[in-house]
């Protein structure tokens, strides 16, 4: 679980009043993140766009690796099935 310093958390009402101020704090790297609190629990996080793009890039690469692994396993399974089973086709 991610930890937030007290000054990295803001209630949704306060955020609505001072959004520009909080964006300035994140984009200037004064804070690495701002947690938006609603009903006493974190609901969302504001991070710099560069950080978001990096996270999205990493996620996309991991997803691609998972797809490649699934396809590799399917190919292997298809080869094993072909070795052990005969399929007849009625025409």
PDB file of N, CA and C in Angstrom:
ATOM      1  N   UNK A   1       0.837  -1.183   0.000  1.00  0.00           N
ATOM      2  CA  UNK A   1       0.000   0.000   0.000  1.00  0.00           C
ATOM      3  C   UNK A   1       0.884   1.250   0.000  1.00  0.00           C
ATOM      4  N   UNK A   2       0.500   2.219  -0.767  1.00  0.00           N
ATOM      5  CA  UNK A   2       1.242   3.474  -0.874  1.00  0.00           C
ATOM      6  C   UNK A   2       0.964   4.336   0.346  1.00  0.00           C
ATOM      7  N   UNK A   3       2.003   4.947   0.857  1.00  0.00           N
ATOM      8  CA  UNK A   3       1.860   5.858   2.000  1.00  0.00           C
ATOM      9  C   UNK A   3       1.805   7.291   1.486  1.00  0.00           C
ATOM     10  N   UNK A   4       1.014   8.108   2.154  1.00  0.00           N
ATOM     11  CA  UNK A   4       0.886   9.517   1.803  1.00  0.00           C
ATOM     12  C   UNK A   4       1.226  10.365   3.014  1.00  0.00           C
ATOM     13  N   UNK A   5       2.058  11.367   2.791  1.00  0.00           N
ATOM     14  CA  UNK A   5       2.314  12.341   3.852  1.00  0.00           C
ATOM     15  C   UNK A   5       1.059  13.198   4.009  1.00  0.00           C
ATOM     16  N   UNK A   6       0.902  13.785   5.173  1.00  0.00           N
ATOM     17  CA  UNK A   6      -0.294  14.591   5.445  1.00  0.00           C
ATOM     18  C   UNK A   6      -0.475  15.697   4.407  1.00  0.00           C
ATOM     19  N   UNK A   7       0.631  16.339   3.994  1.00  0.00           N
ATOM     20  CA  UNK A   7       0.509  17.430   3.021  1.00  0.00           C
ATOM     21  C   UNK A   7       0.322  16.932   1.587  1.00  0.00           C
ATOM     22  N   UNK A   8       0.377  15.614   1.373  1.00  0.00           N
ATOM     23  CA  UNK A   8       0.113  15.044   0.053  1.00  0.00           C
ATOM     24  C   UNK A   8      -1.343  14.606  -0.099  1.00  0.00           C
ATOM     25  N   UNK A   9      -2.172  14.891   0.890  1.00  0.00           N
ATOM     26  CA  UNK A   9      -3.579  14.518   0.838  1.00  0.00           C
ATOM     27  C   UNK A   9      -4.442  15.767   0.854  1.00  0.00           C
ATOM     28  N   UNK A  10      -5.501  15.739   0.056  1.00  0.00           N
ATOM     29  CA  UNK A  10      -6.415  16.870   0.012  1.00  0.00           C
ATOM     30  C   UNK A  10      -7.844  16.351  -0.136  1.00  0.00           C
ATOM     31  N   UNK A  11      -8.733  16.957   0.612  1.00  0.00           N
ATOM     32  CA  UNK A  11     -10.149  16.626   0.477  1.00  0.00           C
ATOM     33  C   UNK A  11     -10.692  17.145  -0.837  1.00  0.00           C
ATOM     34  N   UNK A  12     -11.709  16.507  -1.313  1.00  0.00           N
ATOM     35  CA  UNK A  12     -12.261  16.867  -2.617  1.00  0.00           C
ATOM     36  C   UNK A  12     -12.811  18.296  -2.634  1.00  0.00           C
ATOM     37  N   UNK A  13     -13.387  18.739  -1.535  1.00  0.00           N
ATOM     38  CA  UNK A  13     -13.912  20.109  -1.469  1.00  0.00           C
ATOM     39  C   UNK A  13     -12.781  21.120  -1.570  1.00  0.00           C
ATOM     40  N   UNK A  14     -11.713  20.911  -0.794  1.00  0.00           N
ATOM     41  CA  UNK A  14     -10.549  21.796  -0.835  1.00  0.00           C
ATOM     42  C   UNK A  14      -9.890  21.769  -2.219  1.00  0.00           C
ATOM     43  N   UNK A  15      -9.820  20.591  -2.822  1.00  0.00           N
ATOM     44  CA  UNK A  15      -9.231  20.477  -4.159  1.00  0.00           C
ATOM     45  C   UNK A  15     -10.018  21.319  -5.160  1.00  0.00           C
ATOM     46  N   UNK A  16     -11.335  21.276  -5.051  1.00  0.00           N
ATOM     47  CA  UNK A  16     -12.167  22.074  -5.947  1.00  0.00           C
ATOM     48  C   UNK A  16     -11.896  23.560  -5.830  1.00  0.00           C
ATOM     49  N   UNK A  17     -11.583  24.006  -4.638  1.00  0.00           N
ATOM     50  CA  UNK A  17     -11.309  25.431  -4.412  1.00  0.00           C
ATOM     51  C   UNK A  17      -9.914  25.839  -4.888  1.00  0.00           C
ATOM     52  N   UNK A  18      -8.957  24.899  -4.850  1.00  0.00           N
ATOM     53  CA  UNK A  18      -7.552  25.259  -5.097  1.00  0.00           C
ATOM     54  C   UNK A  18      -6.861  24.307  -6.080  1.00  0.00           C
ATOM     55  N   UNK A  19      -7.571  23.842  -7.087  1.00  0.00           N
ATOM     56  CA  UNK A  19      -7.000  22.874  -8.021  1.00  0.00           C
ATOM     57  C   UNK A  19      -5.703  23.375  -8.653  1.00  0.00           C
ATOM     58  N   UNK A  20      -5.692  24.593  -9.107  1.00  0.00           N
ATOM     59  CA  UNK A  20      -4.491  25.150  -9.742  1.00  0.00           C
ATOM     60  C   UNK A  20      -3.291  25.120  -8.817  1.00  0.00           C
ATOM     61  N   UNK A  21      -3.507  25.441  -7.577  1.00  0.00           N
ATOM     62  CA  UNK A  21      -2.441  25.425  -6.580  1.00  0.00           C
ATOM     63  C   UNK A  21      -1.861  24.017  -6.417  1.00  0.00           C
ATOM     64  N   UNK A  22      -2.733  23.018  -6.335  1.00  0.00           N
ATOM     65  CA  UNK A  22      -2.264  21.640  -6.174  1.00  0.00           C
ATOM     66  C   UNK A  22      -1.578  21.138  -7.447  1.00  0.00           C
ATOM     67  N   UNK A  23      -2.091  21.530  -8.595  1.00  0.00           N
ATOM     68  CA  UNK A  23      -1.420  21.154  -9.852  1.00  0.00           C
ATOM     69  C   UNK A  23      -0.019  21.756  -9.910  1.00  0.00           C
ATOM     70  N   UNK A  24       0.114  22.999  -9.483  1.00  0.00           N
ATOM     71  CA  UNK A  24       1.430  23.638  -9.450  1.00  0.00           C
ATOM     72  C   UNK A  24       2.392  22.862  -8.549  1.00  0.00           C
ATOM     73  N   UNK A  25       1.915  22.387  -7.413  1.00  0.00           N
ATOM     74  CA  UNK A  25       2.766  21.644  -6.486  1.00  0.00           C
ATOM     75  C   UNK A  25       3.258  20.338  -7.107  1.00  0.00           C
ATOM     76  N   UNK A  26       2.390  19.688  -7.879  1.00  0.00           N
ATOM     77  CA  UNK A  26       2.778  18.420  -8.510  1.00  0.00           C
ATOM     78  C   UNK A  26       3.681  18.667  -9.716  1.00  0.00           C
ATOM     79  N   UNK A  27       3.312  19.617 -10.562  1.00  0.00           N
ATOM     80  CA  UNK A  27       4.107  19.842 -11.777  1.00  0.00           C
ATOM     81  C   UNK A  27       5.466  20.462 -11.483  1.00  0.00           C
ATOM     82  N   UNK A  28       5.598  21.145 -10.360  1.00  0.00           N
ATOM     83  CA  UNK A  28       6.892  21.710  -9.975  1.00  0.00           C
ATOM     84  C   UNK A  28       7.724  20.700  -9.174  1.00  0.00           C
ATOM     85  N   UNK A  29       7.170  19.518  -8.969  1.00  0.00           N
ATOM     86  CA  UNK A  29       7.821  18.441  -8.210  1.00  0.00           C
ATOM     87  C   UNK A  29       8.008  18.784  -6.734  1.00  0.00           C
ATOM     88  N   UNK A  30       7.232  19.739  -6.253  1.00  0.00           N
ATOM     89  CA  UNK A  30       7.205  20.007  -4.822  1.00  0.00           C
ATOM     90  C   UNK A  30       6.647  18.774  -4.100  1.00  0.00           C
ATOM     91  N   UNK A  31       5.634  18.146  -4.725  1.00  0.00           N
ATOM     92  CA  UNK A  31       5.082  16.873  -4.270  1.00  0.00           C
ATOM     93  C   UNK A  31       5.139  15.899  -5.436  1.00  0.00           C
ATOM     94  N   UNK A  32       5.415  14.634  -5.143  1.00  0.00           N
ATOM     95  CA  UNK A  32       5.437  13.637  -6.218  1.00  0.00           C
ATOM     96  C   UNK A  32       4.030  13.172  -6.577  1.00  0.00           C
ATOM     97  N   UNK A  33       3.103  13.369  -5.640  1.00  0.00           N
ATOM     98  CA  UNK A  33       1.717  12.946  -5.852  1.00  0.00           C
ATOM     99  C   UNK A  33       0.814  13.685  -4.876  1.00  0.00           C
ATOM    100  N   UNK A  34      -0.460  13.773  -5.236  1.00  0.00           N
ATOM    101  CA  UNK A  34      -1.478  14.328  -4.347  1.00  0.00           C
ATOM    102  C   UNK A  34      -2.622  13.316  -4.316  1.00  0.00           C
ATOM    103  N   UNK A  35      -2.950  12.824  -3.143  1.00  0.00           N
ATOM    104  CA  UNK A  35      -4.077  11.901  -2.991  1.00  0.00           C
ATOM    105  C   UNK A  35      -5.342  12.713  -2.761  1.00  0.00           C
ATOM    106  N   UNK A  36      -6.377  12.391  -3.507  1.00  0.00           N
ATOM    107  CA  UNK A  36      -7.668  13.058  -3.345  1.00  0.00           C
ATOM    108  C   UNK A  36      -8.514  12.202  -2.402  1.00  0.00           C
ATOM    109  N   UNK A  37      -8.941  12.831  -1.312  1.00  0.00           N
ATOM    110  CA  UNK A  37      -9.676  12.127  -0.264  1.00  0.00           C
ATOM    111  C   UNK A  37     -11.168  12.436  -0.369  1.00  0.00           C
ATOM    112  N   UNK A  38     -11.963  11.373  -0.343  1.00  0.00           N
ATOM    113  CA  UNK A  38     -13.424  11.529  -0.290  1.00  0.00           C
ATOM    114  C   UNK A  38     -13.952  10.527   0.727  1.00  0.00           C
ATOM    115  N   UNK A  39     -14.779  11.002   1.619  1.00  0.00           N
ATOM    116  CA  UNK A  39     -15.328  10.179   2.696  1.00  0.00           C
ATOM    117  C   UNK A  39     -14.209   9.501   3.496  1.00  0.00           C
ATOM    118  N   UNK A  40     -13.180  10.280   3.780  1.00  0.00           N
ATOM    119  CA  UNK A  40     -12.046   9.849   4.613  1.00  0.00           C
ATOM    120  C   UNK A  40     -11.221   8.713   4.017  1.00  0.00           C
ATOM    121  N   UNK A  41     -11.268   8.540   2.688  1.00  0.00           N
ATOM    122  CA  UNK A  41     -10.424   7.514   2.086  1.00  0.00           C
ATOM    123  C   UNK A  41      -9.904   8.001   0.740  1.00  0.00           C
ATOM    124  N   UNK A  42      -8.665   7.631   0.386  1.00  0.00           N
ATOM    125  CA  UNK A  42      -8.106   8.036  -0.913  1.00  0.00           C
ATOM    126  C   UNK A  42      -8.932   7.452  -2.050  1.00  0.00           C
ATOM    127  N   UNK A  43      -9.306   8.305  -3.006  1.00  0.00           N
ATOM    128  CA  UNK A  43     -10.117   7.871  -4.147  1.00  0.00           C
ATOM    129  C   UNK A  43      -9.348   7.960  -5.458  1.00  0.00           C
ATOM    130  N   UNK A  44      -8.404   8.902  -5.538  1.00  0.00           N
ATOM    131  CA  UNK A  44      -7.652   9.102  -6.772  1.00  0.00           C
ATOM    132  C   UNK A  44      -6.338   9.798  -6.423  1.00  0.00           C
ATOM    133  N   UNK A  45      -5.431   9.823  -7.403  1.00  0.00           N
ATOM    134  CA  UNK A  45      -4.133  10.455  -7.191  1.00  0.00           C
ATOM    135  C   UNK A  45      -3.811  11.335  -8.391  1.00  0.00           C
ATOM    136  N   UNK A  46      -3.284  12.506  -8.112  1.00  0.00           N
ATOM    137  CA  UNK A  46      -2.780  13.393  -9.162  1.00  0.00           C
ATOM    138  C   UNK A  46      -1.273  13.203  -9.210  1.00  0.00           C
ATOM    139  N   UNK A  47      -0.763  12.883 -10.399  1.00  0.00           N
ATOM    140  CA  UNK A  47       0.676  12.738 -10.598  1.00  0.00           C
ATOM    141  C   UNK A  47       1.073  13.526 -11.846  1.00  0.00           C
ATOM    142  N   UNK A  48       2.356  13.869 -11.979  1.00  0.00           N
ATOM    143  CA  UNK A  48       2.795  14.576 -13.188  1.00  0.00           C
ATOM    144  C   UNK A  48       2.555  13.713 -14.435  1.00  0.00           C
ATOM    145  N   UNK A  49       2.292  14.361 -15.546  1.00  0.00           N
ATOM    146  CA  UNK A  49       1.995  13.654 -16.792  1.00  0.00           C
ATOM    147  C   UNK A  49       3.144  12.740 -17.206  1.00  0.00           C
ATOM    148  N   UNK A  50       4.384  13.159 -16.954  1.00  0.00           N
ATOM    149  CA  UNK A  50       5.532  12.327 -17.314  1.00  0.00           C
ATOM    150  C   UNK A  50       5.504  11.002 -16.553  1.00  0.00           C
ATOM    151  N   UNK A  51       5.145  11.085 -15.281  1.00  0.00           N
ATOM    152  CA  UNK A  51       5.050   9.882 -14.449  1.00  0.00           C
ATOM    153  C   UNK A  51       3.940   8.970 -14.949  1.00  0.00           C
ATOM    154  N   UNK A  52       2.800   9.554 -15.277  1.00  0.00           N
ATOM    155  CA  UNK A  52       1.683   8.763 -15.808  1.00  0.00           C
ATOM    156  C   UNK A  52       2.074   8.079 -17.111  1.00  0.00           C
ATOM    157  N   UNK A  53       2.717   8.812 -18.017  1.00  0.00           N
ATOM    158  CA  UNK A  53       3.109   8.239 -19.305  1.00  0.00           C
ATOM    159  C   UNK A  53       4.124   7.111 -19.124  1.00  0.00           C
ATOM    160  N   UNK A  54       5.045   7.273 -18.179  1.00  0.00           N
ATOM    161  CA  UNK A  54       6.005   6.218 -17.886  1.00  0.00           C
ATOM    162  C   UNK A  54       5.297   4.981 -17.340  1.00  0.00           C
ATOM    163  N   UNK A  55       4.393   5.176 -16.385  1.00  0.00           N
ATOM    164  CA  UNK A  55       3.636   4.055 -15.832  1.00  0.00           C
ATOM    165  C   UNK A  55       2.818   3.351 -16.912  1.00  0.00           C
ATOM    166  N   UNK A  56       2.194   4.122 -17.793  1.00  0.00           N
ATOM    167  CA  UNK A  56       1.391   3.530 -18.867  1.00  0.00           C
ATOM    168  C   UNK A  56       2.265   2.739 -19.824  1.00  0.00           C
ATOM    169  N   UNK A  57       3.444   3.259 -20.125  1.00  0.00           N
ATOM    170  CA  UNK A  57       4.384   2.563 -20.999  1.00  0.00           C
ATOM    171  C   UNK A  57       4.817   1.233 -20.396  1.00  0.00           C
ATOM    172  N   UNK A  58       5.141   1.241 -19.109  1.00  0.00           N
ATOM    173  CA  UNK A  58       5.540   0.009 -18.426  1.00  0.00           C
ATOM    174  C   UNK A  58       4.383  -0.985 -18.418  1.00  0.00           C
ATOM    175  N   UNK A  59       3.196  -0.509 -18.123  1.00  0.00           N
ATOM    176  CA  UNK A  59       2.017  -1.368 -18.128  1.00  0.00           C
ATOM    177  C   UNK A  59       1.797  -1.986 -19.507  1.00  0.00           C
ATOM    178  N   UNK A  60       1.920  -1.174 -20.560  1.00  0.00           N
ATOM    179  CA  UNK A  60       1.742  -1.677 -21.924  1.00  0.00           C
ATOM    180  C   UNK A  60       2.763  -2.756 -22.262  1.00  0.00           C
ATOM    181  N   UNK A  61       4.028  -2.550 -21.844  1.00  0.00           N
ATOM    182  CA  UNK A  61       5.069  -3.552 -22.099  1.00  0.00           C
ATOM    183  C   UNK A  61       4.788  -4.844 -21.344  1.00  0.00           C
ATOM    184  N   UNK A  62       4.352  -4.738 -20.093  1.00  0.00           N
ATOM    185  CA  UNK A  62       4.017  -5.938 -19.322  1.00  0.00           C
ATOM    186  C   UNK A  62       2.853  -6.691 -19.954  1.00  0.00           C
ATOM    187  N   UNK A  63       1.867  -5.952 -20.388  1.00  0.00           N
ATOM    188  CA  UNK A  63       0.715  -6.574 -21.038  1.00  0.00           C
ATOM    189  C   UNK A  63       1.139  -7.295 -22.317  1.00  0.00           C
ATOM    190  N   UNK A  64       2.026  -6.676 -23.089  1.00  0.00           N
ATOM    191  CA  UNK A  64       2.526  -7.300 -24.321  1.00  0.00           C
ATOM    192  C   UNK A  64       3.283  -8.586 -24.000  1.00  0.00           C
ATOM    193  N   UNK A  65       4.109  -8.558 -22.946  1.00  0.00           N
ATOM    194  CA  UNK A  65       4.856  -9.754 -22.536  1.00  0.00           C
ATOM    195  C   UNK A  65       3.897 -10.868 -22.117  1.00  0.00           C
ATOM    196  N   UNK A  66       2.827 -10.523 -21.415  1.00  0.00           N
ATOM    197  CA  UNK A  66       1.840 -11.523 -21.008  1.00  0.00           C
ATOM    198  C   UNK A  66       1.167 -12.139 -22.226  1.00  0.00           C
ATOM    199  N   UNK A  67       0.835 -11.320 -23.199  1.00  0.00           N
ATOM    200  CA  UNK A  67       0.205 -11.824 -24.426  1.00  0.00           C
ATOM    201  C   UNK A  67       1.167 -12.751 -25.160  1.00  0.00           C
ATOM    202  N   UNK A  68       2.436 -12.349 -25.250  1.00  0.00           N
ATOM    203  CA  UNK A  68       3.437 -13.191 -25.913  1.00  0.00           C
ATOM    204  C   UNK A  68       3.591 -14.526 -25.196  1.00  0.00           C
ATOM    205  N   UNK A  69       3.581 -14.512 -23.862  1.00  0.00           N
ATOM    206  CA  UNK A  69       3.696 -15.752 -23.088  1.00  0.00           C
ATOM    207  C   UNK A  69       2.487 -16.650 -23.326  1.00  0.00           C
ATOM    208  N   UNK A  70       1.300 -16.071 -23.366  1.00  0.00           N
ATOM    209  CA  UNK A  70       0.089 -16.855 -23.622  1.00  0.00           C
ATOM    210  C   UNK A  70       0.158 -17.487 -25.006  1.00  0.00           C
ATOM    211  N   UNK A  71       0.567 -16.714 -25.996  1.00  0.00           N
ATOM    212  CA  UNK A  71       0.668 -17.246 -27.354  1.00  0.00           C
ATOM    213  C   UNK A  71       1.732 -18.331 -27.443  1.00  0.00           C
ATOM    214  N   UNK A  72       2.851 -18.141 -26.763  1.00  0.00           N
ATOM    215  CA  UNK A  72       3.902 -19.154 -26.767  1.00  0.00           C
ATOM    216  C   UNK A  72       3.406 -20.447 -26.133  1.00  0.00           C
ATOM    217  N   UNK A  73       2.681 -20.328 -25.034  1.00  0.00           N
ATOM    218  CA  UNK A  73       2.135 -21.517 -24.377  1.00  0.00           C
ATOM    219  C   UNK A  73       1.084 -22.192 -25.239  1.00  0.00           C
ATOM    220  N   UNK A  74       0.271 -21.423 -25.920  1.00  0.00           N
ATOM    221  CA  UNK A  74      -0.743 -22.006 -26.790  1.00  0.00           C
ATOM    222  C   UNK A  74      -0.078 -22.760 -27.927  1.00  0.00           C
ATOM    223  N   UNK A  75       0.959 -22.208 -28.503  1.00  0.00           N
ATOM    224  CA  UNK A  75       1.667 -22.895 -29.578  1.00  0.00           C
ATOM    225  C   UNK A  75       2.224 -24.214 -29.081  1.00  0.00           C
ATOM    226  N   UNK A  76       2.806 -24.194 -27.889  1.00  0.00           N
ATOM    227  CA  UNK A  76       3.363 -25.413 -27.308  1.00  0.00           C
ATOM    228  C   UNK A  76       2.253 -26.434 -27.063  1.00  0.00           C
ATOM    229  N   UNK A  77       1.141 -25.994 -26.524  1.00  0.00           N
ATOM    230  CA  UNK A  77       0.020 -26.898 -26.270  1.00  0.00           C
ATOM    231  C   UNK A  77      -0.526 -27.462 -27.572  1.00  0.00           C
ATOM    232  N   UNK A  78      -0.623 -26.615 -28.601  1.00  0.00           N
ATOM    233  CA  UNK A  78      -1.116 -27.087 -29.897  1.00  0.00           C
ATOM    234  C   UNK A  78      -0.204 -28.179 -30.451  1.00  0.00           C
ATOM    235  N   UNK A  79       1.104 -28.034 -30.278  1.00  0.00           N
ATOM    236  CA  UNK A  79       2.052 -29.049 -30.746  1.00  0.00           C
ATOM    237  C   UNK A  79       1.847 -30.351 -29.985  1.00  0.00           C
ATOM    238  N   UNK A  80       1.650 -30.260 -28.676  1.00  0.00           N
ATOM    239  CA  UNK A  80       1.438 -31.464 -27.868  1.00  0.00           C
ATOM    240  C   UNK A  80       0.137 -32.158 -28.258  1.00  0.00           C
ATOM    241  N   UNK A  81      -0.905 -31.410 -28.498  1.00  0.00           N
ATOM    242  CA  UNK A  81      -2.191 -31.990 -28.902  1.00  0.00           C
ATOM    243  C   UNK A  81      -2.045 -32.689 -30.242  1.00  0.00           C
ATOM    244  N   UNK A  82      -1.330 -32.072 -31.163  1.00  0.00           N
ATOM    245  CA  UNK A  82      -1.135 -32.663 -32.486  1.00  0.00           C
ATOM    246  C   UNK A  82      -0.375 -33.987 -32.394  1.00  0.00           C
ATOM    247  N   UNK A  83       0.525 -34.142 -31.446  1.00  0.00           N
ATOM    248  CA  UNK A  83       1.292 -35.376 -31.284  1.00  0.00           C
ATOM    249  C   UNK A  83       0.430 -36.510 -30.746  1.00  0.00           C
ATOM    250  N   UNK A  84      -0.572 -36.191 -29.954  1.00  0.00           N
ATOM    251  CA  UNK A  84      -1.324 -37.246 -29.257  1.00  0.00           C
ATOM    252  C   UNK A  84      -2.718 -37.498 -29.795  1.00  0.00           C
ATOM    253  N   UNK A  85      -3.238 -36.636 -30.606  1.00  0.00           N
ATOM    254  CA  UNK A  85      -4.618 -36.815 -31.074  1.00  0.00           C
ATOM    255  C   UNK A  85      -4.678 -36.804 -32.605  1.00  0.00           C
ATOM    256  N   UNK A  86      -5.644 -37.571 -33.092  1.00  0.00           N
ATOM    257  CA  UNK A  86      -5.938 -37.581 -34.522  1.00  0.00           C
ATOM    258  C   UNK A  86      -7.337 -36.979 -34.695  1.00  0.00           C
ATOM    259  N   UNK A  87      -7.452 -36.078 -35.621  1.00  0.00           N
ATOM    260  CA  UNK A  87      -8.730 -35.459 -35.877  1.00  0.00           C
ATOM    261  C   UNK A  87      -9.212 -35.894 -37.239  1.00  0.00           C
ATOM    262  N   UNK A  88     -10.458 -36.382 -37.305  1.00  0.00           N
ATOM    263  CA  UNK A  88     -10.999 -36.776 -38.606  1.00  0.00           C
ATOM    264  C   UNK A  88     -12.033 -35.748 -39.025  1.00  0.00           C
ATOM    265  N   UNK A  89     -12.054 -35.467 -40.281  1.00  0.00           N
ATOM    266  CA  UNK A  89     -12.998 -34.494 -40.830  1.00  0.00           C
ATOM    267  C   UNK A  89     -13.869 -35.211 -41.862  1.00  0.00           C
ATOM    268  N   UNK A  90     -15.166 -35.191 -41.645  1.00  0.00           N
ATOM    269  CA  UNK A  90     -16.096 -35.778 -42.595  1.00  0.00           C
ATOM    270  C   UNK A  90     -16.468 -34.719 -43.629  1.00  0.00           C
ATOM    271  N   UNK A  91     -16.365 -35.120 -44.893  1.00  0.00           N
ATOM    272  CA  UNK A  91     -16.679 -34.178 -45.968  1.00  0.00           C
ATOM    273  C   UNK A  91     -17.925 -34.625 -46.683  1.00  0.00           C
TER     274      UNK A  91
END
